[in-house]
Amino acid sequence: MKIGLSIPNNWGVADPQELVELAVLADTLGYDSAWVTEHLLNVGYIGERLGNKPYYHSLGMLAFIAARTKHIALGTSVVVLPFRQPADQAKFAATIDQLSGGRLILGIGSGALEAEFDALSIPFKERGAITNESMQVMRALWTQEKASFHGKYWNFDDLMASPKPLQKPHVPMWVAGMGKAAYRRTGQLGDGWHATGIPLEEFITGRDEIRRFAIEAGRDPLQITMSMRINVSYGTKFTTETERRSVLEGDDPASMIAALKDWRDAGVDHLVLAPATTDMAQLRVETERIAKTVLPQFKH
């Protein structure tokens, strides 16, 4: 099982260079991936947590991190796809993939914070349909020399888009979300599932549902990467039920190792640790401790 580290671009850290340096540290310590999260506006529970503190742009952060790292995969956890024009998203992602040497994993989601959709004048109830179509548009632009697509939101013929991603056939898209719509989207369109905030039993249910949808779509279910993002607590008070539902205690490596083995045995291919702290000095220490005590248990 691969293990990644979530870089807390969403926790109001004043100096973004500290976040970049954390990703560089993870790269040198042997983590498999570094991840950033996304909200465009500090509204709803994000505003309650951060106020006016900074929440840095996901792909902007990854572009900078790509320039400072050599080996680590770079992931979004996750881009809210309905917020993006898919041609722009496809070009941005392909550019990062080229600059990083083919290291991008594009975690995508349909979004869940209705206040953010309202502020951006995007129809919340259509977010799933927009996401599905956006994924198809991006895949067409990435893989077809002259791309054509005809749907509800986008229609075009013989468009040339560049650059193409370095990864072939394209940048992997890992779909976030729990529930039937997300399971169907993953099984039919996704290259991976990026779950978060669920207990082990619900992960197993989702895994099986995704594989069923993949088989119905004529796809090989074992080609879909199963990933999980888990919060790591250092005395953190989480503000939402989702944040509280899947938590590891950061100061107990033995219990962390035992829990991660359970996730691995349940079929997780790639697990992302998401430390919930703004204490960057502590986070650097804990990142090193996990690298020494936890990562060796999962390297082969």
C-alpha atoms as a PDB file:
ATOM      1  CA  MET A   1       0.000   0.000   0.000  1.00  0.00           C
ATOM      2  CA  LYS A   2       1.251   3.471  -0.897  1.00  0.00           C
ATOM      3  CA  ILE A   3       1.078   6.216   1.721  1.00  0.00           C
ATOM      4  CA  GLY A   4       0.765   9.905   1.013  1.00  0.00           C
ATOM      5  CA  LEU A   5       0.699  13.092   3.057  1.00  0.00           C
ATOM      6  CA  SER A   6      -1.920  15.828   2.869  1.00  0.00           C
ATOM      7  CA  ILE A   7      -0.312  19.279   2.838  1.00  0.00           C
ATOM      8  CA  PRO A   8      -2.532  21.587   4.955  1.00  0.00           C
ATOM      9  CA  ASN A   9      -3.168  24.319   2.400  1.00  0.00           C
ATOM     10  CA  ASN A  10      -6.669  24.444   3.907  1.00  0.00           C
ATOM     11  CA  TRP A  11      -5.747  25.251   7.521  1.00  0.00           C
ATOM     12  CA  GLY A  12      -4.901  28.948   7.314  1.00  0.00           C
ATOM     13  CA  VAL A  13      -1.092  28.663   7.453  1.00  0.00           C
ATOM     14  CA  ALA A  14       0.252  32.200   7.048  1.00  0.00           C
ATOM     15  CA  ASP A  15       3.388  31.389   5.042  1.00  0.00           C
ATOM     16  CA  PRO A  16       2.758  29.152   2.001  1.00  0.00           C
ATOM     17  CA  GLN A  17       6.475  28.447   1.728  1.00  0.00           C
ATOM     18  CA  GLU A  18       6.160  26.344   4.886  1.00  0.00           C
ATOM     19  CA  LEU A  19       3.658  24.144   3.062  1.00  0.00           C
ATOM     20  CA  VAL A  20       6.001  23.768   0.105  1.00  0.00           C
ATOM     21  CA  GLU A  21       8.876  22.835   2.416  1.00  0.00           C
ATOM     22  CA  LEU A  22       6.688  20.176   4.042  1.00  0.00           C
ATOM     23  CA  ALA A  23       6.093  18.610   0.636  1.00  0.00           C
ATOM     24  CA  VAL A  24       9.838  18.720  -0.057  1.00  0.00           C
ATOM     25  CA  LEU A  25      10.451  16.990   3.270  1.00  0.00           C
ATOM     26  CA  ALA A  26       7.892  14.298   2.433  1.00  0.00           C
ATOM     27  CA  ASP A  27       9.624  13.787  -0.912  1.00  0.00           C
ATOM     28  CA  THR A  28      13.004  13.232   0.739  1.00  0.00           C
ATOM     29  CA  LEU A  29      11.544  10.944   3.434  1.00  0.00           C
ATOM     30  CA  GLY A  30       9.988   8.505   0.992  1.00  0.00           C
ATOM     31  CA  TYR A  31       6.281   9.321   1.105  1.00  0.00           C
ATOM     32  CA  ASP A  32       4.553   8.219  -2.062  1.00  0.00           C
ATOM     33  CA  SER A  33       2.434  11.315  -2.622  1.00  0.00           C
ATOM     34  CA  ALA A  34       1.605  14.839  -1.477  1.00  0.00           C
ATOM     35  CA  TRP A  35      -1.987  16.112  -1.601  1.00  0.00           C
ATOM     36  CA  VAL A  36      -3.763  19.445  -1.433  1.00  0.00           C
ATOM     37  CA  THR A  37      -7.444  20.194  -0.919  1.00  0.00           C
ATOM     38  CA  GLU A  38      -9.795  22.726  -2.503  1.00  0.00           C
ATOM     39  CA  HIS A  39     -12.457  25.281  -1.731  1.00  0.00           C
ATOM     40  CA  LEU A  40     -12.569  28.527  -3.666  1.00  0.00           C
ATOM     41  CA  LEU A  41     -14.352  30.602  -1.017  1.00  0.00           C
ATOM     42  CA  ASN A  42     -14.269  30.754   2.777  1.00  0.00           C
ATOM     43  CA  VAL A  43     -17.987  30.167   3.240  1.00  0.00           C
ATOM     44  CA  GLY A  44     -20.018  27.726   5.315  1.00  0.00           C
ATOM     45  CA  TYR A  45     -17.985  25.561   7.658  1.00  0.00           C
ATOM     46  CA  ILE A  46     -14.780  26.677   5.903  1.00  0.00           C
ATOM     47  CA  GLY A  47     -15.500  30.275   6.889  1.00  0.00           C
ATOM     48  CA  GLU A  48     -16.334  29.193  10.425  1.00  0.00           C
ATOM     49  CA  ARG A  49     -12.982  27.451  10.697  1.00  0.00           C
ATOM     50  CA  LEU A  50     -10.740  29.939   8.892  1.00  0.00           C
ATOM     51  CA  GLY A  51     -12.407  33.329   8.836  1.00  0.00           C
ATOM     52  CA  ASN A  52     -10.141  35.346   6.533  1.00  0.00           C
ATOM     53  CA  LYS A  53      -7.101  33.092   6.962  1.00  0.00           C
ATOM     54  CA  PRO A  54      -5.623  31.784   3.716  1.00  0.00           C
ATOM     55  CA  TYR A  55      -6.859  28.724   1.875  1.00  0.00           C
ATOM     56  CA  TYR A  56      -4.367  28.324  -0.983  1.00  0.00           C
ATOM     57  CA  HIS A  57      -5.310  27.314  -4.524  1.00  0.00           C
ATOM     58  CA  SER A  58      -4.919  23.566  -5.042  1.00  0.00           C
ATOM     59  CA  LEU A  59      -3.359  23.453  -8.505  1.00  0.00           C
ATOM     60  CA  GLY A  60      -1.349  26.607  -7.886  1.00  0.00           C
ATOM     61  CA  MET A  61       0.220  24.919  -4.856  1.00  0.00           C
ATOM     62  CA  LEU A  62       0.923  21.723  -6.805  1.00  0.00           C
ATOM     63  CA  ALA A  63       2.600  23.609  -9.632  1.00  0.00           C
ATOM     64  CA  PHE A  64       5.008  25.203  -7.167  1.00  0.00           C
ATOM     65  CA  ILE A  65       5.539  21.918  -5.295  1.00  0.00           C
ATOM     66  CA  ALA A  66       6.244  20.160  -8.596  1.00  0.00           C
ATOM     67  CA  ALA A  67       9.171  22.494  -9.189  1.00  0.00           C
ATOM     68  CA  ARG A  68      10.679  21.715  -5.771  1.00  0.00           C
ATOM     69  CA  THR A  69      10.260  17.915  -5.689  1.00  0.00           C
ATOM     70  CA  LYS A  70      11.561  15.001  -7.741  1.00  0.00           C
ATOM     71  CA  HIS A  71       9.790  11.751  -6.928  1.00  0.00           C
ATOM     72  CA  ILE A  72       6.576  12.237  -5.016  1.00  0.00           C
ATOM     73  CA  ALA A  73       3.213  11.964  -6.785  1.00  0.00           C
ATOM     74  CA  LEU A  74       1.114  15.143  -6.645  1.00  0.00           C
ATOM     75  CA  GLY A  75      -2.600  14.841  -5.913  1.00  0.00           C
ATOM     76  CA  THR A  76      -5.718  16.955  -5.446  1.00  0.00           C
ATOM     77  CA  SER A  77      -8.071  15.914  -2.668  1.00  0.00           C
ATOM     78  CA  VAL A  78     -10.100  17.118  -4.474  1.00  0.00           C
ATOM     79  CA  VAL A  79     -10.728  19.611  -7.288  1.00  0.00           C
ATOM     80  CA  VAL A  80     -14.429  20.539  -7.339  1.00  0.00           C
ATOM     81  CA  LEU A  81     -14.985  19.967 -11.025  1.00  0.00           C
ATOM     82  CA  PRO A  82     -18.244  21.938 -11.490  1.00  0.00           C
ATOM     83  CA  PHE A  83     -16.315  25.083 -10.527  1.00  0.00           C
ATOM     84  CA  ARG A  84     -14.072  24.670 -13.597  1.00  0.00           C
ATOM     85  CA  GLN A  85     -14.404  25.074 -17.322  1.00  0.00           C
ATOM     86  CA  PRO A  86     -13.223  21.604 -18.410  1.00  0.00           C
ATOM     87  CA  ALA A  87     -10.957  22.809 -21.232  1.00  0.00           C
ATOM     88  CA  ASP A  88      -9.136  25.098 -18.787  1.00  0.00           C
ATOM     89  CA  GLN A  89      -8.939  22.326 -16.180  1.00  0.00           C
ATOM     90  CA  ALA A  90      -7.616  19.878 -18.776  1.00  0.00           C
ATOM     91  CA  LYS A  91      -4.896  22.294 -19.907  1.00  0.00           C
ATOM     92  CA  PHE A  92      -3.879  23.206 -16.338  1.00  0.00           C
ATOM     93  CA  ALA A  93      -3.655  19.548 -15.324  1.00  0.00           C
ATOM     94  CA  ALA A  94      -1.764  18.511 -18.463  1.00  0.00           C
ATOM     95  CA  THR A  95       0.703  21.357 -17.953  1.00  0.00           C
ATOM     96  CA  ILE A  96       1.428  20.310 -14.366  1.00  0.00           C
ATOM     97  CA  ASP A  97       1.778  16.703 -15.507  1.00  0.00           C
ATOM     98  CA  GLN A  98       4.334  17.744 -18.121  1.00  0.00           C
ATOM     99  CA  LEU A  99       6.252  20.004 -15.723  1.00  0.00           C
ATOM    100  CA  SER A 100       6.348  17.362 -12.983  1.00  0.00           C
ATOM    101  CA  GLY A 101       7.476  14.508 -15.192  1.00  0.00           C
ATOM    102  CA  GLY A 102       4.125  12.723 -15.114  1.00  0.00           C
ATOM    103  CA  ARG A 103       3.393  12.835 -11.390  1.00  0.00           C
ATOM    104  CA  LEU A 104      -0.123  14.321 -11.206  1.00  0.00           C
ATOM    105  CA  ILE A 105      -3.162  12.507  -9.790  1.00  0.00           C
ATOM    106  CA  LEU A 106      -6.302  14.542 -10.350  1.00  0.00           C
ATOM    107  CA  GLY A 107      -8.697  13.809  -7.532  1.00  0.00           C
ATOM    108  CA  ILE A 108     -12.066  15.224  -8.533  1.00  0.00           C
ATOM    109  CA  GLY A 109     -15.417  15.703  -6.847  1.00  0.00           C
ATOM    110  CA  SER A 110     -18.829  17.153  -7.532  1.00  0.00           C
ATOM    111  CA  GLY A 111     -18.801  19.344  -4.402  1.00  0.00           C
ATOM    112  CA  ALA A 112     -20.948  19.414  -1.290  1.00  0.00           C
ATOM    113  CA  LEU A 113     -20.979  22.965   0.103  1.00  0.00           C
ATOM    114  CA  GLU A 114     -24.163  24.510  -1.287  1.00  0.00           C
ATOM    115  CA  ALA A 115     -23.308  28.025  -0.076  1.00  0.00           C
ATOM    116  CA  GLU A 116     -20.211  27.972  -2.277  1.00  0.00           C
ATOM    117  CA  PHE A 117     -22.224  26.961  -5.339  1.00  0.00           C
ATOM    118  CA  ASP A 118     -24.741  29.715  -4.623  1.00  0.00           C
ATOM    119  CA  ALA A 119     -21.991  32.315  -4.320  1.00  0.00           C
ATOM    120  CA  LEU A 120     -20.534  31.195  -7.663  1.00  0.00           C
ATOM    121  CA  SER A 121     -23.963  31.051  -9.384  1.00  0.00           C
ATOM    122  CA  ILE A 122     -23.545  27.374 -10.248  1.00  0.00           C
ATOM    123  CA  PRO A 123     -26.673  25.176  -9.965  1.00  0.00           C
ATOM    124  CA  PHE A 124     -26.077  22.914  -6.986  1.00  0.00           C
ATOM    125  CA  LYS A 125     -28.603  20.304  -8.109  1.00  0.00           C
ATOM    126  CA  GLU A 126     -26.807  19.889 -11.447  1.00  0.00           C
ATOM    127  CA  ARG A 127     -23.350  19.380  -9.963  1.00  0.00           C
ATOM    128  CA  GLY A 128     -23.300  15.622 -10.596  1.00  0.00           C
ATOM    129  CA  ALA A 129     -24.286  15.938 -14.248  1.00  0.00           C
ATOM    130  CA  ILE A 130     -21.739  18.720 -14.765  1.00  0.00           C
ATOM    131  CA  THR A 131     -19.031  16.583 -13.168  1.00  0.00           C
ATOM    132  CA  ASN A 132     -19.778  13.557 -15.331  1.00  0.00           C
ATOM    133  CA  GLU A 133     -19.736  15.587 -18.525  1.00  0.00           C
ATOM    134  CA  SER A 134     -16.605  17.499 -17.515  1.00  0.00           C
ATOM    135  CA  MET A 135     -14.728  14.236 -17.004  1.00  0.00           C
ATOM    136  CA  GLN A 136     -15.705  13.075 -20.473  1.00  0.00           C
ATOM    137  CA  VAL A 137     -14.708  16.399 -22.040  1.00  0.00           C
ATOM    138  CA  MET A 138     -11.315  16.356 -20.337  1.00  0.00           C
ATOM    139  CA  ARG A 139     -10.630  12.775 -21.374  1.00  0.00           C
ATOM    140  CA  ALA A 140     -11.505  13.647 -24.980  1.00  0.00           C
ATOM    141  CA  LEU A 141      -9.216  16.689 -24.982  1.00  0.00           C
ATOM    142  CA  TRP A 142      -6.372  14.675 -23.462  1.00  0.00           C
ATOM    143  CA  THR A 143      -6.558  11.624 -25.706  1.00  0.00           C
ATOM    144  CA  GLN A 144      -7.928  12.696 -29.100  1.00  0.00           C
ATOM    145  CA  GLU A 145      -5.776  14.522 -31.636  1.00  0.00           C
ATOM    146  CA  LYS A 146      -8.896  16.348 -32.794  1.00  0.00           C
ATOM    147  CA  ALA A 147     -11.436  16.071 -30.000  1.00  0.00           C
ATOM    148  CA  SER A 148     -15.188  15.934 -30.420  1.00  0.00           C
ATOM    149  CA  PHE A 149     -17.886  15.832 -27.769  1.00  0.00           C
ATOM    150  CA  HIS A 150     -21.634  16.372 -27.679  1.00  0.00           C
ATOM    151  CA  GLY A 151     -23.489  16.739 -24.384  1.00  0.00           C
ATOM    152  CA  LYS A 152     -25.861  18.947 -22.451  1.00  0.00           C
ATOM    153  CA  TYR A 153     -23.293  21.521 -21.319  1.00  0.00           C
ATOM    154  CA  TRP A 154     -20.539  21.306 -23.969  1.00  0.00           C
ATOM    155  CA  ASN A 155     -20.605  20.633 -27.694  1.00  0.00           C
ATOM    156  CA  PHE A 156     -17.648  20.761 -30.072  1.00  0.00           C
ATOM    157  CA  ASP A 157     -16.011  19.034 -33.025  1.00  0.00           C
ATOM    158  CA  ASP A 158     -12.395  18.674 -34.134  1.00  0.00           C
ATOM    159  CA  LEU A 159     -10.827  20.767 -31.377  1.00  0.00           C
ATOM    160  CA  MET A 160      -7.073  20.544 -30.938  1.00  0.00           C
ATOM    161  CA  ALA A 161      -5.953  20.935 -27.332  1.00  0.00           C
ATOM    162  CA  SER A 162      -2.395  21.002 -26.045  1.00  0.00           C
ATOM    163  CA  PRO A 163      -0.324  20.039 -24.270  1.00  0.00           C
ATOM    164  CA  LYS A 164      -1.366  16.438 -23.851  1.00  0.00           C
ATOM    165  CA  PRO A 165      -0.490  14.898 -20.471  1.00  0.00           C
ATOM    166  CA  LEU A 166       2.843  13.123 -20.169  1.00  0.00           C
ATOM    167  CA  GLN A 167       1.061  10.161 -18.566  1.00  0.00           C
ATOM    168  CA  LYS A 168      -0.684   7.877 -21.025  1.00  0.00           C
ATOM    169  CA  PRO A 169      -3.435   7.565 -21.839  1.00  0.00           C
ATOM    170  CA  HIS A 170      -4.053  10.600 -19.588  1.00  0.00           C
ATOM    171  CA  VAL A 171      -3.792  12.014 -16.068  1.00  0.00           C
ATOM    172  CA  PRO A 172      -5.588   9.572 -13.736  1.00  0.00           C
ATOM    173  CA  MET A 173      -8.864  10.904 -12.368  1.00  0.00           C
ATOM    174  CA  TRP A 174      -9.771   9.603  -8.907  1.00  0.00           C
ATOM    175  CA  VAL A 175     -13.377  10.270  -8.009  1.00  0.00           C
ATOM    176  CA  ALA A 176     -14.326  11.418  -4.525  1.00  0.00           C
ATOM    177  CA  GLY A 177     -17.649  10.955  -2.827  1.00  0.00           C
ATOM    178  CA  MET A 178     -19.674   8.444  -0.888  1.00  0.00           C
ATOM    179  CA  GLY A 179     -23.075   7.374  -2.102  1.00  0.00           C
ATOM    180  CA  LYS A 180     -24.616   5.735  -5.127  1.00  0.00           C
ATOM    181  CA  ALA A 181     -23.998   8.611  -7.558  1.00  0.00           C
ATOM    182  CA  ALA A 182     -20.301   8.750  -6.672  1.00  0.00           C
ATOM    183  CA  TYR A 183     -19.966   4.966  -6.819  1.00  0.00           C
ATOM    184  CA  ARG A 184     -21.563   4.920 -10.268  1.00  0.00           C
ATOM    185  CA  ARG A 185     -19.353   7.804 -11.461  1.00  0.00           C
ATOM    186  CA  THR A 186     -16.244   5.996 -10.244  1.00  0.00           C
ATOM    187  CA  GLY A 187     -17.212   2.666 -11.743  1.00  0.00           C
ATOM    188  CA  GLN A 188     -18.188   4.120 -15.106  1.00  0.00           C
ATOM    189  CA  LEU A 189     -15.722   6.999 -15.530  1.00  0.00           C
ATOM    190  CA  GLY A 190     -13.056   7.022 -12.828  1.00  0.00           C
ATOM    191  CA  ASP A 191      -9.521   5.696 -12.735  1.00  0.00           C
ATOM    192  CA  GLY A 192      -9.715   5.506  -8.948  1.00  0.00           C
ATOM    193  CA  TRP A 193     -11.909   6.124  -5.929  1.00  0.00           C
ATOM    194  CA  HIS A 194     -10.778   8.726  -3.390  1.00  0.00           C
ATOM    195  CA  ALA A 195     -12.818   8.163  -0.243  1.00  0.00           C
ATOM    196  CA  THR A 196     -12.665  10.306   2.876  1.00  0.00           C
ATOM    197  CA  GLY A 197     -14.350  10.515   6.255  1.00  0.00           C
ATOM    198  CA  ILE A 198     -15.852   7.025   6.375  1.00  0.00           C
ATOM    199  CA  PRO A 199     -15.259   4.044   8.649  1.00  0.00           C
ATOM    200  CA  LEU A 200     -13.811   0.795   7.359  1.00  0.00           C
ATOM    201  CA  GLU A 201     -17.162  -0.951   6.924  1.00  0.00           C
ATOM    202  CA  GLU A 202     -18.518   1.814   4.697  1.00  0.00           C
ATOM    203  CA  PHE A 203     -15.347   1.738   2.630  1.00  0.00           C
ATOM    204  CA  ILE A 204     -15.848  -1.963   1.965  1.00  0.00           C
ATOM    205  CA  THR A 205     -19.456  -1.322   0.905  1.00  0.00           C
ATOM    206  CA  GLY A 206     -18.363   1.450  -1.447  1.00  0.00           C
ATOM    207  CA  ARG A 207     -15.550  -0.663  -2.875  1.00  0.00           C
ATOM    208  CA  ASP A 208     -17.962  -3.462  -3.745  1.00  0.00           C
ATOM    209  CA  GLU A 209     -20.524  -1.084  -5.262  1.00  0.00           C
ATOM    210  CA  ILE A 210     -17.890   0.583  -7.447  1.00  0.00           C
ATOM    211  CA  ARG A 211     -16.675  -2.751  -8.711  1.00  0.00           C
ATOM    212  CA  ARG A 212     -20.244  -3.772  -9.531  1.00  0.00           C
ATOM    213  CA  PHE A 213     -20.811  -0.578 -11.535  1.00  0.00           C
ATOM    214  CA  ALA A 214     -17.488  -1.103 -13.324  1.00  0.00           C
ATOM    215  CA  ILE A 215     -18.442  -4.617 -14.385  1.00  0.00           C
ATOM    216  CA  GLU A 216     -21.823  -3.369 -15.630  1.00  0.00           C
ATOM    217  CA  ALA A 217     -19.970  -0.761 -17.714  1.00  0.00           C
ATOM    218  CA  GLY A 218     -17.714  -3.411 -19.224  1.00  0.00           C
ATOM    219  CA  ARG A 219     -14.646  -2.265 -17.330  1.00  0.00           C
ATOM    220  CA  ASP A 220     -12.087  -4.236 -15.314  1.00  0.00           C
ATOM    221  CA  PRO A 221     -12.884  -3.378 -11.676  1.00  0.00           C
ATOM    222  CA  LEU A 222      -9.394  -4.288 -10.534  1.00  0.00           C
ATOM    223  CA  GLN A 223      -7.970  -1.472 -12.687  1.00  0.00           C
ATOM    224  CA  ILE A 224      -9.693   1.107 -10.468  1.00  0.00           C
ATOM    225  CA  THR A 225      -7.345   2.343  -7.742  1.00  0.00           C
ATOM    226  CA  MET A 226      -8.861   2.380  -4.259  1.00  0.00           C
ATOM    227  CA  SER A 227      -7.664   5.267  -2.088  1.00  0.00           C
ATOM    228  CA  MET A 228      -8.629   6.637   1.302  1.00  0.00           C
ATOM    229  CA  ARG A 229      -7.927   9.974   3.003  1.00  0.00           C
ATOM    230  CA  ILE A 230      -7.822   9.776   6.812  1.00  0.00           C
ATOM    231  CA  ASN A 231      -7.549  12.627   9.303  1.00  0.00           C
ATOM    232  CA  VAL A 232      -4.705  12.454  11.812  1.00  0.00           C
ATOM    233  CA  SER A 233      -5.516  14.149  15.088  1.00  0.00           C
ATOM    234  CA  TYR A 234      -3.085  15.959  17.357  1.00  0.00           C
ATOM    235  CA  GLY A 235      -5.693  17.005  19.881  1.00  0.00           C
ATOM    236  CA  THR A 236      -7.690  18.559  17.066  1.00  0.00           C
ATOM    237  CA  LYS A 237     -11.310  19.629  17.437  1.00  0.00           C
ATOM    238  CA  PHE A 238     -13.031  18.785  14.155  1.00  0.00           C
ATOM    239  CA  THR A 239     -15.927  20.992  13.094  1.00  0.00           C
ATOM    240  CA  THR A 240     -17.914  18.564  10.955  1.00  0.00           C
ATOM    241  CA  GLU A 241     -19.165  15.012  11.370  1.00  0.00           C
ATOM    242  CA  THR A 242     -17.360  13.998   8.184  1.00  0.00           C
ATOM    243  CA  GLU A 243     -14.051  15.185   9.622  1.00  0.00           C
ATOM    244  CA  ARG A 244     -14.657  13.250  12.852  1.00  0.00           C
ATOM    245  CA  ARG A 245     -15.721   9.939  11.354  1.00  0.00           C
ATOM    246  CA  SER A 246     -12.320   8.677  10.260  1.00  0.00           C
ATOM    247  CA  VAL A 247      -9.530   9.753  12.603  1.00  0.00           C
ATOM    248  CA  LEU A 248      -6.143   8.333  13.588  1.00  0.00           C
ATOM    249  CA  GLU A 249      -4.325   9.454  16.706  1.00  0.00           C
ATOM    250  CA  GLY A 250      -1.072  10.994  15.576  1.00  0.00           C
ATOM    251  CA  ASP A 251       0.834  10.349  18.794  1.00  0.00           C
ATOM    252  CA  ASP A 252       0.327   6.562  18.744  1.00  0.00           C
ATOM    253  CA  PRO A 253       2.363   4.949  15.931  1.00  0.00           C
ATOM    254  CA  ALA A 254       1.506   1.391  17.004  1.00  0.00           C
ATOM    255  CA  SER A 255      -2.244   1.930  16.739  1.00  0.00           C
ATOM    256  CA  MET A 256      -1.735   3.824  13.482  1.00  0.00           C
ATOM    257  CA  ILE A 257       0.159   0.895  11.984  1.00  0.00           C
ATOM    258  CA  ALA A 258      -2.537  -1.553  13.097  1.00  0.00           C
ATOM    259  CA  ALA A 259      -5.301   0.615  11.631  1.00  0.00           C
ATOM    260  CA  LEU A 260      -3.475   1.111   8.339  1.00  0.00           C
ATOM    261  CA  LYS A 261      -3.008  -2.635   7.984  1.00  0.00           C
ATOM    262  CA  ASP A 262      -6.774  -3.046   8.343  1.00  0.00           C
ATOM    263  CA  TRP A 263      -7.307  -0.511   5.559  1.00  0.00           C
ATOM    264  CA  ARG A 264      -4.748  -2.264   3.376  1.00  0.00           C
ATOM    265  CA  ASP A 265      -6.441  -5.603   3.943  1.00  0.00           C
ATOM    266  CA  ALA A 266      -9.761  -4.023   2.951  1.00  0.00           C
ATOM    267  CA  GLY A 267      -8.355  -3.190  -0.460  1.00  0.00           C
ATOM    268  CA  VAL A 268      -6.899   0.307  -0.075  1.00  0.00           C
ATOM    269  CA  ASP A 269      -4.106   0.760  -2.619  1.00  0.00           C
ATOM    270  CA  HIS A 270      -3.171   4.317  -1.669  1.00  0.00           C
ATOM    271  CA  LEU A 271      -3.796   5.888   1.729  1.00  0.00           C
ATOM    272  CA  VAL A 272      -3.432   9.611   2.432  1.00  0.00           C
ATOM    273  CA  LEU A 273      -2.674  10.851   5.950  1.00  0.00           C
ATOM    274  CA  ALA A 274      -4.222  14.260   6.608  1.00  0.00           C
ATOM    275  CA  PRO A 275      -2.700  15.862   9.736  1.00  0.00           C
ATOM    276  CA  ALA A 276      -5.147  18.338  11.269  1.00  0.00           C
ATOM    277  CA  THR A 277      -2.866  20.962  12.747  1.00  0.00           C
ATOM    278  CA  THR A 278      -1.545  24.417  11.931  1.00  0.00           C
ATOM    279  CA  ASP A 279       1.596  23.920  14.048  1.00  0.00           C
ATOM    280  CA  MET A 280       4.101  23.521  11.229  1.00  0.00           C
ATOM    281  CA  ALA A 281       7.024  22.794  13.556  1.00  0.00           C
ATOM    282  CA  GLN A 282       5.087  19.934  15.120  1.00  0.00           C
ATOM    283  CA  LEU A 283       3.957  18.742  11.721  1.00  0.00           C
ATOM    284  CA  ARG A 284       7.503  18.493  10.440  1.00  0.00           C
ATOM    285  CA  VAL A 285       8.479  16.441  13.484  1.00  0.00           C
ATOM    286  CA  GLU A 286       5.475  14.153  13.103  1.00  0.00           C
ATOM    287  CA  THR A 287       6.081  13.758   9.362  1.00  0.00           C
ATOM    288  CA  GLU A 288       9.586  12.527  10.140  1.00  0.00           C
ATOM    289  CA  ARG A 289       8.377  10.234  12.923  1.00  0.00           C
ATOM    290  CA  ILE A 290       5.759   8.618  10.689  1.00  0.00           C
ATOM    291  CA  ALA A 291       8.394   8.147   7.988  1.00  0.00           C
ATOM    292  CA  LYS A 292      10.619   6.292  10.460  1.00  0.00           C
ATOM    293  CA  THR A 293       8.004   4.236  12.310  1.00  0.00           C
ATOM    294  CA  VAL A 294       5.060   3.732   9.949  1.00  0.00           C
ATOM    295  CA  LEU A 295       6.207   3.871   6.322  1.00  0.00           C
ATOM    296  CA  PRO A 296       8.676   0.947   6.600  1.00  0.00           C
ATOM    297  CA  GLN A 297       5.774  -1.337   7.541  1.00  0.00           C
ATOM    298  CA  PHE A 298       4.234  -0.811   4.100  1.00  0.00           C
ATOM    299  CA  LYS A 299       7.265  -0.767   1.811  1.00  0.00           C
ATOM    300  CA  HIS A 300       8.021  -3.889  -0.210  1.00  0.00           C
END
